[in-house]
Amino acid sequence: MGVTFSICVREEYTDEDGDRQRRFGVAVTTRLPGVGTLCPFASENGAVATQSLVNVELGRRGIDYIDDGLAVEDALQALLNADEGSPQRQLHGVDADSTFTFSGEECQGWYGHTSGANYTVAGNLLTGESVIEAVAETYETDAFGDAPLAERLIDALAAGHAEGGDKREDLPVQSAALLVESTEDREFEPYYNDLRVDATETPVADLRETYEEAARGQELVLERYAEDGDEDDGDAVEEDDGGPTAETRNE
């Protein structure tokens, strides 16, 4: 698979209880189907994207190594050193402290990568360097904004897509995916943090629509949960006041 472009990020933030947390995200799009099954990997300890001539094990084992405590550069470089196909690979990612980027000399052009203090971007078979520059600049502009990370990752993909993205215009079936993981222990993990659009001609737009529907679904579930909780509280008060129990009313 020749993957177009992807972004990996690390962010630190304060949760609703005032505790410091860390989140990792990765998003990717390509002019082939099913990119979400092959390229993006993340855990509460890091995020990795494997692309160009994809070796899925670089992503899977990369995250495993990071989870075991290896620094991202040590983990990914060790995997590349053992991979005979490394000249055809692109591999990049972030962990809690650092970043790593690699583009093999046999990747197909245009290809390249860039990085910032807490993110990496890479792409191949692109219309030009401006694609990854647009992805990076858009993320930097929106970094740590009020919008959820998943939404800001889609914004970054959209910026790269607007710059031309993947140059293979003869391939109409495209895909996109995003994955966000966090150290935060939440009762409800946001539905929009793990999304895929596997086969479409408008991958980034469809990923955004899927995100919006997932966010709406999350709101509806939380509203229903709150309503059910209010009803339960009401039952408890009535029982304490000597009123009818819930079993009596159900009868």
C-alpha atoms as a PDB file:
ATOM      1  CA  MET A   1       0.000   0.000   0.000  1.00  0.00           C
ATOM      2  CA  GLY A   2       1.221   3.476  -0.793  1.00  0.00           C
ATOM      3  CA  VAL A   3      -0.228   5.570   1.956  1.00  0.00           C
ATOM      4  CA  THR A   4      -0.691   9.261   1.454  1.00  0.00           C
ATOM      5  CA  PHE A   5      -0.148  11.107   4.729  1.00  0.00           C
ATOM      6  CA  SER A   6      -0.597  10.782   8.473  1.00  0.00           C
ATOM      7  CA  ILE A   7      -0.060  12.676  11.715  1.00  0.00           C
ATOM      8  CA  CYS A   8       0.824  11.479  15.228  1.00  0.00           C
ATOM      9  CA  VAL A   9       0.490  13.778  18.260  1.00  0.00           C
ATOM     10  CA  ARG A  10       1.016  13.911  22.008  1.00  0.00           C
ATOM     11  CA  GLU A  11      -0.815  16.359  24.260  1.00  0.00           C
ATOM     12  CA  GLU A  12      -0.852  16.994  28.003  1.00  0.00           C
ATOM     13  CA  TYR A  13      -3.967  18.438  29.589  1.00  0.00           C
ATOM     14  CA  THR A  14      -5.860  18.848  32.867  1.00  0.00           C
ATOM     15  CA  ASP A  15      -9.006  16.760  33.322  1.00  0.00           C
ATOM     16  CA  GLU A  16     -12.235  17.845  35.029  1.00  0.00           C
ATOM     17  CA  ASP A  17     -10.876  16.768  38.421  1.00  0.00           C
ATOM     18  CA  GLY A  18      -7.767  18.930  38.037  1.00  0.00           C
ATOM     19  CA  ASP A  19      -5.420  15.997  37.404  1.00  0.00           C
ATOM     20  CA  ARG A  20      -2.768  16.099  34.700  1.00  0.00           C
ATOM     21  CA  GLN A  21      -3.332  13.634  31.860  1.00  0.00           C
ATOM     22  CA  ARG A  22      -1.756  12.750  28.536  1.00  0.00           C
ATOM     23  CA  ARG A  23      -3.397  11.800  25.221  1.00  0.00           C
ATOM     24  CA  PHE A  24      -2.023  10.412  21.985  1.00  0.00           C
ATOM     25  CA  GLY A  25      -3.643  10.564  18.572  1.00  0.00           C
ATOM     26  CA  VAL A  26      -2.983   9.374  15.037  1.00  0.00           C
ATOM     27  CA  ALA A  27      -4.892  10.060  11.828  1.00  0.00           C
ATOM     28  CA  VAL A  28      -4.275   8.901   8.259  1.00  0.00           C
ATOM     29  CA  THR A  29      -5.824   8.963   4.791  1.00  0.00           C
ATOM     30  CA  THR A  30      -4.968   7.260   1.490  1.00  0.00           C
ATOM     31  CA  ARG A  31      -6.234   6.537  -2.022  1.00  0.00           C
ATOM     32  CA  LEU A  32      -6.811   2.880  -1.200  1.00  0.00           C
ATOM     33  CA  PRO A  33      -9.463   1.162   0.952  1.00  0.00           C
ATOM     34  CA  GLY A  34      -9.135   0.067   4.570  1.00  0.00           C
ATOM     35  CA  VAL A  35      -6.249   2.214   5.806  1.00  0.00           C
ATOM     36  CA  GLY A  36      -7.555   1.978   9.379  1.00  0.00           C
ATOM     37  CA  THR A  37      -6.772  -1.742   9.511  1.00  0.00           C
ATOM     38  CA  LEU A  38      -3.104  -1.300   8.617  1.00  0.00           C
ATOM     39  CA  CYS A  39      -1.515   1.990   9.563  1.00  0.00           C
ATOM     40  CA  PRO A  40      -2.632   3.811  12.758  1.00  0.00           C
ATOM     41  CA  PHE A  41      -1.654   2.496  16.190  1.00  0.00           C
ATOM     42  CA  ALA A  42      -1.962   4.142  19.610  1.00  0.00           C
ATOM     43  CA  SER A  43      -2.070   3.454  23.328  1.00  0.00           C
ATOM     44  CA  GLU A  44      -1.980   5.570  26.464  1.00  0.00           C
ATOM     45  CA  ASN A  45       1.805   5.622  26.033  1.00  0.00           C
ATOM     46  CA  GLY A  46       2.284   6.608  22.395  1.00  0.00           C
ATOM     47  CA  ALA A  47       1.111   6.764  18.786  1.00  0.00           C
ATOM     48  CA  VAL A  48       2.687   5.240  15.662  1.00  0.00           C
ATOM     49  CA  ALA A  49       1.923   5.289  11.922  1.00  0.00           C
ATOM     50  CA  THR A  50       3.438   2.774   9.501  1.00  0.00           C
ATOM     51  CA  GLN A  51       3.098   3.474   5.777  1.00  0.00           C
ATOM     52  CA  SER A  52       4.528   3.479   2.227  1.00  0.00           C
ATOM     53  CA  LEU A  53       5.081  -0.258   1.634  1.00  0.00           C
ATOM     54  CA  VAL A  54       3.249  -1.094   4.860  1.00  0.00           C
ATOM     55  CA  ASN A  55       4.652  -3.500   7.418  1.00  0.00           C
ATOM     56  CA  VAL A  56       1.861  -3.768   9.991  1.00  0.00           C
ATOM     57  CA  GLU A  57       4.188  -5.351  12.540  1.00  0.00           C
ATOM     58  CA  LEU A  58       6.167  -2.111  12.738  1.00  0.00           C
ATOM     59  CA  GLY A  59       3.073  -0.435  14.154  1.00  0.00           C
ATOM     60  CA  ARG A  60       1.881  -3.271  16.352  1.00  0.00           C
ATOM     61  CA  ARG A  61       5.248  -4.109  17.839  1.00  0.00           C
ATOM     62  CA  GLY A  62       6.232  -0.464  18.000  1.00  0.00           C
ATOM     63  CA  ILE A  63       3.334   0.283  20.337  1.00  0.00           C
ATOM     64  CA  ASP A  64       4.053  -2.881  22.326  1.00  0.00           C
ATOM     65  CA  TYR A  65       7.669  -1.797  22.822  1.00  0.00           C
ATOM     66  CA  ILE A  66       6.615   1.701  23.856  1.00  0.00           C
ATOM     67  CA  ASP A  67       4.124   0.198  26.320  1.00  0.00           C
ATOM     68  CA  ASP A  68       7.002  -1.868  27.719  1.00  0.00           C
ATOM     69  CA  GLY A  69       8.916   1.328  28.443  1.00  0.00           C
ATOM     70  CA  LEU A  70      11.185   1.764  25.414  1.00  0.00           C
ATOM     71  CA  ALA A  71      11.584   5.277  24.029  1.00  0.00           C
ATOM     72  CA  VAL A  72       9.865   5.718  20.674  1.00  0.00           C
ATOM     73  CA  GLU A  73      13.139   6.273  18.798  1.00  0.00           C
ATOM     74  CA  ASP A  74      14.698   3.144  20.313  1.00  0.00           C
ATOM     75  CA  ALA A  75      11.606   1.047  19.698  1.00  0.00           C
ATOM     76  CA  LEU A  76      11.039   2.047  16.077  1.00  0.00           C
ATOM     77  CA  GLN A  77      14.679   2.166  15.054  1.00  0.00           C
ATOM     78  CA  ALA A  78      15.233  -1.333  16.432  1.00  0.00           C
ATOM     79  CA  LEU A  79      12.319  -2.612  14.351  1.00  0.00           C
ATOM     80  CA  LEU A  80      13.620  -0.899  11.226  1.00  0.00           C
ATOM     81  CA  ASN A  81      17.101  -2.322  11.806  1.00  0.00           C
ATOM     82  CA  ALA A  82      15.606  -5.819  11.732  1.00  0.00           C
ATOM     83  CA  ASP A  83      13.396  -5.140   8.679  1.00  0.00           C
ATOM     84  CA  GLU A  84      14.920  -5.997   5.304  1.00  0.00           C
ATOM     85  CA  GLY A  85      12.300  -3.839   3.614  1.00  0.00           C
ATOM     86  CA  SER A  86      13.098  -0.704   5.603  1.00  0.00           C
ATOM     87  CA  PRO A  87      14.196   1.327   2.521  1.00  0.00           C
ATOM     88  CA  GLN A  88      10.565   1.138   1.341  1.00  0.00           C
ATOM     89  CA  ARG A  89       8.997   2.056   4.670  1.00  0.00           C
ATOM     90  CA  GLN A  90       7.792   5.230   6.296  1.00  0.00           C
ATOM     91  CA  LEU A  91       7.484   5.067  10.065  1.00  0.00           C
ATOM     92  CA  HIS A  92       6.882   7.802  12.578  1.00  0.00           C
ATOM     93  CA  GLY A  93       5.454   8.361  16.025  1.00  0.00           C
ATOM     94  CA  VAL A  94       5.512   9.971  19.448  1.00  0.00           C
ATOM     95  CA  ASP A  95       5.785   8.835  23.035  1.00  0.00           C
ATOM     96  CA  ALA A  96       5.552  10.675  26.353  1.00  0.00           C
ATOM     97  CA  ASP A  97       8.838  12.519  25.840  1.00  0.00           C
ATOM     98  CA  SER A  98      10.029  12.458  22.239  1.00  0.00           C
ATOM     99  CA  THR A  99       9.322  11.930  18.532  1.00  0.00           C
ATOM    100  CA  PHE A 100      10.659   9.740  15.703  1.00  0.00           C
ATOM    101  CA  THR A 101      10.450  10.048  11.911  1.00  0.00           C
ATOM    102  CA  PHE A 102      11.810   7.836   9.136  1.00  0.00           C
ATOM    103  CA  SER A 103      11.348   7.807   5.365  1.00  0.00           C
ATOM    104  CA  GLY A 104      13.220   5.100   3.471  1.00  0.00           C
ATOM    105  CA  GLU A 105      15.161   6.089   0.370  1.00  0.00           C
ATOM    106  CA  GLU A 106      13.039   3.794  -1.822  1.00  0.00           C
ATOM    107  CA  CYS A 107       9.711   5.409  -0.926  1.00  0.00           C
ATOM    108  CA  GLN A 108       7.915   6.835  -3.931  1.00  0.00           C
ATOM    109  CA  GLY A 109       7.766  10.575  -4.459  1.00  0.00           C
ATOM    110  CA  TRP A 110       6.911  12.990  -3.465  1.00  0.00           C
ATOM    111  CA  TYR A 111       7.722  11.648   0.025  1.00  0.00           C
ATOM    112  CA  GLY A 112       9.018  13.156   3.215  1.00  0.00           C
ATOM    113  CA  HIS A 113       8.299  13.986   6.834  1.00  0.00           C
ATOM    114  CA  THR A 114       8.378  16.783   9.386  1.00  0.00           C
ATOM    115  CA  SER A 115       8.010  17.069  13.148  1.00  0.00           C
ATOM    116  CA  GLY A 116       7.431  19.493  15.999  1.00  0.00           C
ATOM    117  CA  ALA A 117       7.855  19.330  19.753  1.00  0.00           C
ATOM    118  CA  ASN A 118       4.875  17.010  20.180  1.00  0.00           C
ATOM    119  CA  TYR A 119       3.892  15.770  16.720  1.00  0.00           C
ATOM    120  CA  THR A 120       5.128  14.064  13.562  1.00  0.00           C
ATOM    121  CA  VAL A 121       3.773  14.140  10.003  1.00  0.00           C
ATOM    122  CA  ALA A 122       4.797  11.967   7.048  1.00  0.00           C
ATOM    123  CA  GLY A 123       3.562  11.246   3.540  1.00  0.00           C
ATOM    124  CA  ASN A 124       4.451   9.641   0.251  1.00  0.00           C
ATOM    125  CA  LEU A 125       3.053   9.642  -3.282  1.00  0.00           C
ATOM    126  CA  LEU A 126       1.930  13.209  -2.626  1.00  0.00           C
ATOM    127  CA  THR A 127       1.437  16.161  -4.929  1.00  0.00           C
ATOM    128  CA  GLY A 128       4.236  17.921  -3.047  1.00  0.00           C
ATOM    129  CA  GLU A 129       5.826  18.984   0.220  1.00  0.00           C
ATOM    130  CA  SER A 130       3.066  21.520   0.811  1.00  0.00           C
ATOM    131  CA  VAL A 131       0.747  18.660   1.812  1.00  0.00           C
ATOM    132  CA  ILE A 132       2.625  17.724   4.971  1.00  0.00           C
ATOM    133  CA  GLU A 133       3.400  21.377   5.652  1.00  0.00           C
ATOM    134  CA  ALA A 134      -0.333  22.158   5.615  1.00  0.00           C
ATOM    135  CA  VAL A 135      -1.067  19.238   7.949  1.00  0.00           C
ATOM    136  CA  ALA A 136       1.594  20.387  10.411  1.00  0.00           C
ATOM    137  CA  GLU A 137       0.666  24.074  10.283  1.00  0.00           C
ATOM    138  CA  THR A 138      -3.035  23.367  10.782  1.00  0.00           C
ATOM    139  CA  TYR A 139      -2.367  21.138  13.773  1.00  0.00           C
ATOM    140  CA  GLU A 140      -0.012  23.714  15.297  1.00  0.00           C
ATOM    141  CA  THR A 141      -2.611  26.456  14.847  1.00  0.00           C
ATOM    142  CA  ASP A 142      -5.315  24.363  16.546  1.00  0.00           C
ATOM    143  CA  ALA A 143      -3.068  22.597  19.078  1.00  0.00           C
ATOM    144  CA  PHE A 144      -4.550  22.378  22.561  1.00  0.00           C
ATOM    145  CA  GLY A 145      -7.668  24.192  21.384  1.00  0.00           C
ATOM    146  CA  ASP A 146     -11.118  23.686  22.834  1.00  0.00           C
ATOM    147  CA  ALA A 147     -12.156  21.106  20.233  1.00  0.00           C
ATOM    148  CA  PRO A 148     -11.526  17.404  20.966  1.00  0.00           C
ATOM    149  CA  LEU A 149      -8.275  16.057  19.553  1.00  0.00           C
ATOM    150  CA  ALA A 150     -10.173  13.797  17.148  1.00  0.00           C
ATOM    151  CA  GLU A 151     -11.800  16.826  15.526  1.00  0.00           C
ATOM    152  CA  ARG A 152      -8.493  18.672  15.257  1.00  0.00           C
ATOM    153  CA  LEU A 153      -6.850  15.645  13.649  1.00  0.00           C
ATOM    154  CA  ILE A 154      -9.561  15.679  10.995  1.00  0.00           C
ATOM    155  CA  ASP A 155      -8.894  19.391  10.441  1.00  0.00           C
ATOM    156  CA  ALA A 156      -5.224  18.582   9.865  1.00  0.00           C
ATOM    157  CA  LEU A 157      -6.072  15.847   7.343  1.00  0.00           C
ATOM    158  CA  ALA A 158      -8.470  18.203   5.576  1.00  0.00           C
ATOM    159  CA  ALA A 159      -5.714  20.792   5.181  1.00  0.00           C
ATOM    160  CA  GLY A 160      -3.426  18.251   3.544  1.00  0.00           C
ATOM    161  CA  HIS A 161      -6.230  17.025   1.326  1.00  0.00           C
ATOM    162  CA  ALA A 162      -6.926  20.598   0.207  1.00  0.00           C
ATOM    163  CA  GLU A 163      -3.270  20.941  -0.842  1.00  0.00           C
ATOM    164  CA  GLY A 164      -3.649  18.030  -3.237  1.00  0.00           C
ATOM    165  CA  GLY A 165      -2.977  15.042  -0.989  1.00  0.00           C
ATOM    166  CA  ASP A 166      -2.313  11.759  -2.787  1.00  0.00           C
ATOM    167  CA  LYS A 167      -1.383  12.351  -6.431  1.00  0.00           C
ATOM    168  CA  ARG A 168      -2.898   9.078  -7.723  1.00  0.00           C
ATOM    169  CA  GLU A 169      -6.120  10.572  -9.089  1.00  0.00           C
ATOM    170  CA  ASP A 170      -6.832   7.395 -11.070  1.00  0.00           C
ATOM    171  CA  LEU A 171      -7.659   5.586  -7.801  1.00  0.00           C
ATOM    172  CA  PRO A 172     -11.162   6.671  -6.739  1.00  0.00           C
ATOM    173  CA  VAL A 173     -11.650   4.381  -3.710  1.00  0.00           C
ATOM    174  CA  GLN A 174     -10.115   6.041  -0.654  1.00  0.00           C
ATOM    175  CA  SER A 175     -10.145   5.683   3.116  1.00  0.00           C
ATOM    176  CA  ALA A 176      -9.308   7.520   6.337  1.00  0.00           C
ATOM    177  CA  ALA A 177      -9.045   6.715  10.028  1.00  0.00           C
ATOM    178  CA  LEU A 178      -8.242   8.200  13.411  1.00  0.00           C
ATOM    179  CA  LEU A 179      -7.425   6.810  16.844  1.00  0.00           C
ATOM    180  CA  VAL A 180      -7.048   8.649  20.158  1.00  0.00           C
ATOM    181  CA  GLU A 181      -5.982   7.105  23.480  1.00  0.00           C
ATOM    182  CA  SER A 182      -5.606   8.757  26.887  1.00  0.00           C
ATOM    183  CA  THR A 183      -4.264   8.133  30.373  1.00  0.00           C
ATOM    184  CA  GLU A 184      -7.562   9.438  31.736  1.00  0.00           C
ATOM    185  CA  ASP A 185      -9.844   6.883  33.392  1.00  0.00           C
ATOM    186  CA  ARG A 186     -13.306   7.897  32.170  1.00  0.00           C
ATOM    187  CA  GLU A 187     -16.670   6.305  32.788  1.00  0.00           C
ATOM    188  CA  PHE A 188     -17.576   6.851  29.136  1.00  0.00           C
ATOM    189  CA  GLU A 189     -14.819   6.712  26.512  1.00  0.00           C
ATOM    190  CA  PRO A 190     -15.784   9.101  23.683  1.00  0.00           C
ATOM    191  CA  TYR A 191     -17.270   7.238  20.724  1.00  0.00           C
ATOM    192  CA  TYR A 192     -15.462   9.560  18.320  1.00  0.00           C
ATOM    193  CA  ASN A 193     -11.943   8.536  19.399  1.00  0.00           C
ATOM    194  CA  ASP A 194     -11.750   5.434  17.189  1.00  0.00           C
ATOM    195  CA  LEU A 195     -13.211   5.985  13.718  1.00  0.00           C
ATOM    196  CA  ARG A 196     -12.711   4.540  10.240  1.00  0.00           C
ATOM    197  CA  VAL A 197     -14.060   5.208   6.773  1.00  0.00           C
ATOM    198  CA  ASP A 198     -12.975   2.199   4.742  1.00  0.00           C
ATOM    199  CA  ALA A 199     -14.156   2.776   1.154  1.00  0.00           C
ATOM    200  CA  THR A 200     -15.340   6.096  -0.258  1.00  0.00           C
ATOM    201  CA  GLU A 201     -14.437   8.758  -2.791  1.00  0.00           C
ATOM    202  CA  THR A 202     -14.556  11.503  -0.134  1.00  0.00           C
ATOM    203  CA  PRO A 203     -12.597  10.091   2.828  1.00  0.00           C
ATOM    204  CA  VAL A 204     -11.891  13.191   4.906  1.00  0.00           C
ATOM    205  CA  ALA A 205     -15.387  14.630   4.498  1.00  0.00           C
ATOM    206  CA  ASP A 206     -16.887  11.260   5.390  1.00  0.00           C
ATOM    207  CA  LEU A 207     -14.596  10.913   8.399  1.00  0.00           C
ATOM    208  CA  ARG A 208     -15.754  14.334   9.606  1.00  0.00           C
ATOM    209  CA  GLU A 209     -19.415  13.353   9.141  1.00  0.00           C
ATOM    210  CA  THR A 210     -18.788  10.117  11.033  1.00  0.00           C
ATOM    211  CA  TYR A 211     -17.112  12.079  13.817  1.00  0.00           C
ATOM    212  CA  GLU A 212     -20.042  14.488  14.056  1.00  0.00           C
ATOM    213  CA  GLU A 213     -22.549  11.639  14.225  1.00  0.00           C
ATOM    214  CA  ALA A 214     -20.459   9.855  16.863  1.00  0.00           C
ATOM    215  CA  ALA A 215     -20.238  13.040  18.933  1.00  0.00           C
ATOM    216  CA  ARG A 216     -24.011  13.503  18.642  1.00  0.00           C
ATOM    217  CA  GLY A 217     -24.541   9.898  19.678  1.00  0.00           C
ATOM    218  CA  GLN A 218     -22.330  10.441  22.705  1.00  0.00           C
ATOM    219  CA  GLU A 219     -24.414  13.435  23.768  1.00  0.00           C
ATOM    220  CA  LEU A 220     -27.641  11.458  23.424  1.00  0.00           C
ATOM    221  CA  VAL A 221     -26.292   8.580  25.494  1.00  0.00           C
ATOM    222  CA  LEU A 222     -25.066  10.912  28.248  1.00  0.00           C
ATOM    223  CA  GLU A 223     -28.425  12.713  28.294  1.00  0.00           C
ATOM    224  CA  ARG A 224     -30.249   9.404  28.611  1.00  0.00           C
ATOM    225  CA  TYR A 225     -27.834   8.276  31.319  1.00  0.00           C
ATOM    226  CA  ALA A 226     -28.442  11.510  33.243  1.00  0.00           C
ATOM    227  CA  GLU A 227     -32.222  11.125  32.910  1.00  0.00           C
ATOM    228  CA  ASP A 228     -32.075   7.562  34.155  1.00  0.00           C
ATOM    229  CA  GLY A 229     -29.902   8.697  37.046  1.00  0.00           C
ATOM    230  CA  ASP A 230     -32.433  11.391  37.984  1.00  0.00           C
ATOM    231  CA  GLU A 231     -35.212   8.811  37.990  1.00  0.00           C
ATOM    232  CA  ASP A 232     -33.184   6.552  40.251  1.00  0.00           C
ATOM    233  CA  ASP A 233     -32.531   9.448  42.641  1.00  0.00           C
ATOM    234  CA  GLY A 234     -36.241  10.170  42.730  1.00  0.00           C
ATOM    235  CA  ASP A 235     -37.007   6.581  43.653  1.00  0.00           C
ATOM    236  CA  ALA A 236     -34.529   6.742  46.505  1.00  0.00           C
ATOM    237  CA  VAL A 237     -36.078   9.932  47.912  1.00  0.00           C
ATOM    238  CA  GLU A 238     -39.584   8.510  47.783  1.00  0.00           C
ATOM    239  CA  GLU A 239     -38.488   5.388  49.591  1.00  0.00           C
ATOM    240  CA  ASP A 240     -36.749   7.413  52.282  1.00  0.00           C
ATOM    241  CA  ASP A 241     -39.898   9.524  52.761  1.00  0.00           C
ATOM    242  CA  GLY A 242     -42.049   6.498  53.221  1.00  0.00           C
ATOM    243  CA  GLY A 243     -43.552   6.662  49.717  1.00  0.00           C
ATOM    244  CA  PRO A 244     -44.173   3.724  47.391  1.00  0.00           C
ATOM    245  CA  THR A 245     -41.161   1.717  46.283  1.00  0.00           C
ATOM    246  CA  ALA A 246     -40.093   1.263  42.685  1.00  0.00           C
ATOM    247  CA  GLU A 247     -41.391  -2.337  42.758  1.00  0.00           C
ATOM    248  CA  THR A 248     -44.825  -1.167  43.841  1.00  0.00           C
ATOM    249  CA  ARG A 249     -45.073   1.375  41.042  1.00  0.00           C
ATOM    250  CA  ASN A 250     -43.963  -1.171  38.451  1.00  0.00           C
ATOM    251  CA  GLU A 251     -46.769  -3.452  39.505  1.00  0.00           C
END
